[in-house]
Amino acid sequence: MKVSDIMTRGVQTITPTQTIHEAAAMMARINCGALLVNQDDRLIGMITDRDITVRAVATGMPGETPISEVMSGEIRYCFDDEDVLHVARNMGDNQLRRLPVLNRDKRLVGVVSLGNLALSDDPQASAELLRRVTGAH
């Protein structure tokens, strides 16, 4: 089974020049804790509710602070044609709850999460991810 078979498509993104206030409002509106940051149709980072809380609010940054100042720029991703079990192992090894999915042109096409893997028709991938994320060996 390929990642494209289980990933979530139509992912909401935000740009690096938008503000942390806009990011927080969008997260609240769509009920999520992370947004992918896209610029010129390319994935350049991710901002999480934790980034906003720890890197911005806790240090006194105003709501007008651009996302680029607090987002995580080093971001791991997978490709849509990769095997689900392989991706589940990588997510578990790196303690990742979600992973952006790119096509081979490196364009964002979706996100794969713990939930996607848990609901997949690949019980081995689900079990492998759970084992690695929880540290149970």
Protein backbone atom coordinates (compact mmCIF):
# COMPACT_ATOMS: atom_id res chain seq x y z
CA MET A 1 0.00 0.00 0.00
CA LYS A 2 1.26 3.49 -0.88
CA VAL A 3 1.04 6.66 1.21
CA SER A 4 -1.21 8.21 -1.45
CA ASP A 5 -3.82 5.55 -0.59
CA ILE A 6 -4.24 6.71 3.02
CA MET A 7 -3.07 10.35 3.23
CA THR A 8 -5.30 13.35 3.87
CA ARG A 9 -5.59 15.57 0.80
CA GLY A 10 -6.51 19.23 0.51
CA VAL A 11 -4.34 20.30 3.41
CA GLN A 12 -4.74 23.84 4.72
CA THR A 13 -1.49 25.83 4.43
CA ILE A 14 -0.29 29.25 5.47
CA THR A 15 2.46 31.56 4.17
CA PRO A 16 5.55 32.66 6.13
CA THR A 17 4.51 36.33 5.98
CA GLN A 18 1.18 35.72 7.68
CA THR A 19 1.08 36.42 11.41
CA ILE A 20 1.08 34.11 14.38
CA HIS A 21 -2.34 35.52 15.24
CA GLU A 22 -3.64 34.42 11.82
CA ALA A 23 -2.08 30.99 12.32
CA ALA A 24 -3.66 30.57 15.75
CA ALA A 25 -7.05 31.69 14.43
CA MET A 26 -6.82 29.25 11.51
CA MET A 27 -5.84 26.41 13.86
CA ALA A 28 -8.85 27.18 16.04
CA ARG A 29 -11.19 27.39 13.05
CA ILE A 30 -10.15 24.06 11.54
CA ASN A 31 -9.42 22.37 14.88
CA CYS A 32 -5.80 21.38 14.30
CA GLY A 33 -2.50 21.90 16.07
CA ALA A 34 -0.19 22.35 13.10
CA LEU A 35 -0.12 24.13 9.77
CA LEU A 36 2.24 23.60 6.88
CA VAL A 37 3.99 26.73 5.64
CA ASN A 38 4.03 27.08 1.88
CA GLN A 39 5.74 29.70 -0.27
CA ASP A 40 5.60 29.80 -4.06
CA ASP A 41 4.00 26.33 -4.13
CA ARG A 42 6.84 24.86 -2.07
CA LEU A 43 6.77 23.48 1.46
CA ILE A 44 9.20 25.52 3.58
CA GLY A 45 8.21 24.65 7.13
CA MET A 46 5.59 23.95 9.74
CA ILE A 47 4.12 25.95 12.59
CA THR A 48 2.51 24.25 15.54
CA ASP A 49 0.42 25.47 18.44
CA ARG A 50 3.46 24.69 20.58
CA ASP A 51 5.68 26.93 18.39
CA ILE A 52 3.25 29.79 18.93
CA THR A 53 3.03 29.17 22.67
CA VAL A 54 6.69 28.52 23.47
CA ARG A 55 8.57 30.52 20.85
CA ALA A 56 6.22 33.49 20.59
CA VAL A 57 3.77 34.03 23.45
CA ALA A 58 6.14 32.93 26.21
CA THR A 59 8.81 35.33 24.96
CA GLY A 60 6.42 38.27 24.59
CA MET A 61 6.17 38.45 20.79
CA PRO A 62 3.12 40.33 19.51
CA GLY A 63 0.37 38.64 17.50
CA GLU A 64 1.57 40.49 14.40
CA THR A 65 4.84 38.54 14.41
CA PRO A 66 5.38 36.83 11.04
CA ILE A 67 5.18 33.06 11.12
CA SER A 68 8.67 32.89 9.61
CA GLU A 69 10.10 34.02 12.97
CA VAL A 70 8.75 31.08 14.97
CA MET A 71 8.10 28.24 12.51
CA SER A 72 10.18 25.10 12.25
CA GLY A 73 12.11 25.25 8.99
CA GLU A 74 13.75 21.85 9.08
CA ILE A 75 10.88 19.61 8.16
CA ARG A 76 10.77 15.93 7.38
CA TYR A 77 8.48 14.65 4.67
CA CYS A 78 7.69 11.57 2.64
CA PHE A 79 6.66 10.95 -0.94
CA ASP A 80 3.20 9.90 -2.05
CA ASP A 81 4.53 6.79 -3.79
CA GLU A 82 6.39 5.43 -0.74
CA ASP A 83 5.31 2.25 1.00
CA VAL A 84 3.13 2.82 4.08
CA LEU A 85 5.14 0.41 6.25
CA HIS A 86 8.40 2.20 5.41
CA VAL A 87 6.89 5.59 6.26
CA ALA A 88 5.35 4.24 9.48
CA ARG A 89 8.79 2.99 10.58
CA ASN A 90 10.37 6.38 9.83
CA MET A 91 7.63 8.25 11.67
CA GLY A 92 8.04 5.96 14.68
CA ASP A 93 11.82 6.20 14.72
CA ASN A 94 11.62 10.00 14.59
CA GLN A 95 8.67 10.28 17.00
CA LEU A 96 6.55 12.11 14.42
CA ARG A 97 2.77 12.33 14.67
CA ARG A 98 2.30 13.72 11.18
CA LEU A 99 4.34 13.99 8.02
CA PRO A 100 3.81 16.18 4.96
CA VAL A 101 3.46 14.22 1.74
CA LEU A 102 5.09 15.49 -1.45
CA ASN A 103 4.95 14.23 -5.00
CA ARG A 104 8.21 13.60 -6.86
CA ASP A 105 8.13 17.20 -8.14
CA LYS A 106 8.35 18.16 -4.42
CA ARG A 107 4.89 19.72 -4.43
CA LEU A 108 2.72 19.31 -1.33
CA VAL A 109 -0.10 16.83 -2.00
CA GLY A 110 -1.22 15.87 1.50
CA VAL A 111 -0.36 14.83 5.04
CA VAL A 112 -0.11 11.41 6.62
CA SER A 113 -0.79 11.18 10.35
CA LEU A 114 -1.02 8.61 13.11
CA GLY A 115 -4.75 8.58 12.50
CA ASN A 116 -4.35 7.82 8.79
CA LEU A 117 -2.06 4.93 9.62
CA ALA A 118 -4.33 3.62 12.36
CA LEU A 119 -7.27 3.57 9.96
CA SER A 120 -5.33 2.08 7.06
CA ASP A 121 -5.86 -1.43 5.77
CA ASP A 122 -2.26 -2.23 6.70
CA PRO A 123 -2.32 -3.57 10.28
CA GLN A 124 1.44 -4.20 10.16
CA ALA A 125 2.12 -0.49 9.49
CA SER A 126 -0.22 0.57 12.31
CA ALA A 127 1.37 -1.85 14.77
CA GLU A 128 4.90 -0.89 13.73
CA LEU A 129 4.23 2.82 14.16
CA LEU A 130 2.57 2.35 17.54
CA ARG A 131 5.42 0.16 18.77
CA ARG A 132 8.06 2.67 17.70
CA VAL A 133 6.25 5.81 18.90
CA THR A 134 5.57 4.36 22.34
CA GLY A 135 9.02 2.82 22.66
CA ALA A 136 7.59 -0.66 23.27
CA HIS A 137 9.95 -3.24 21.78
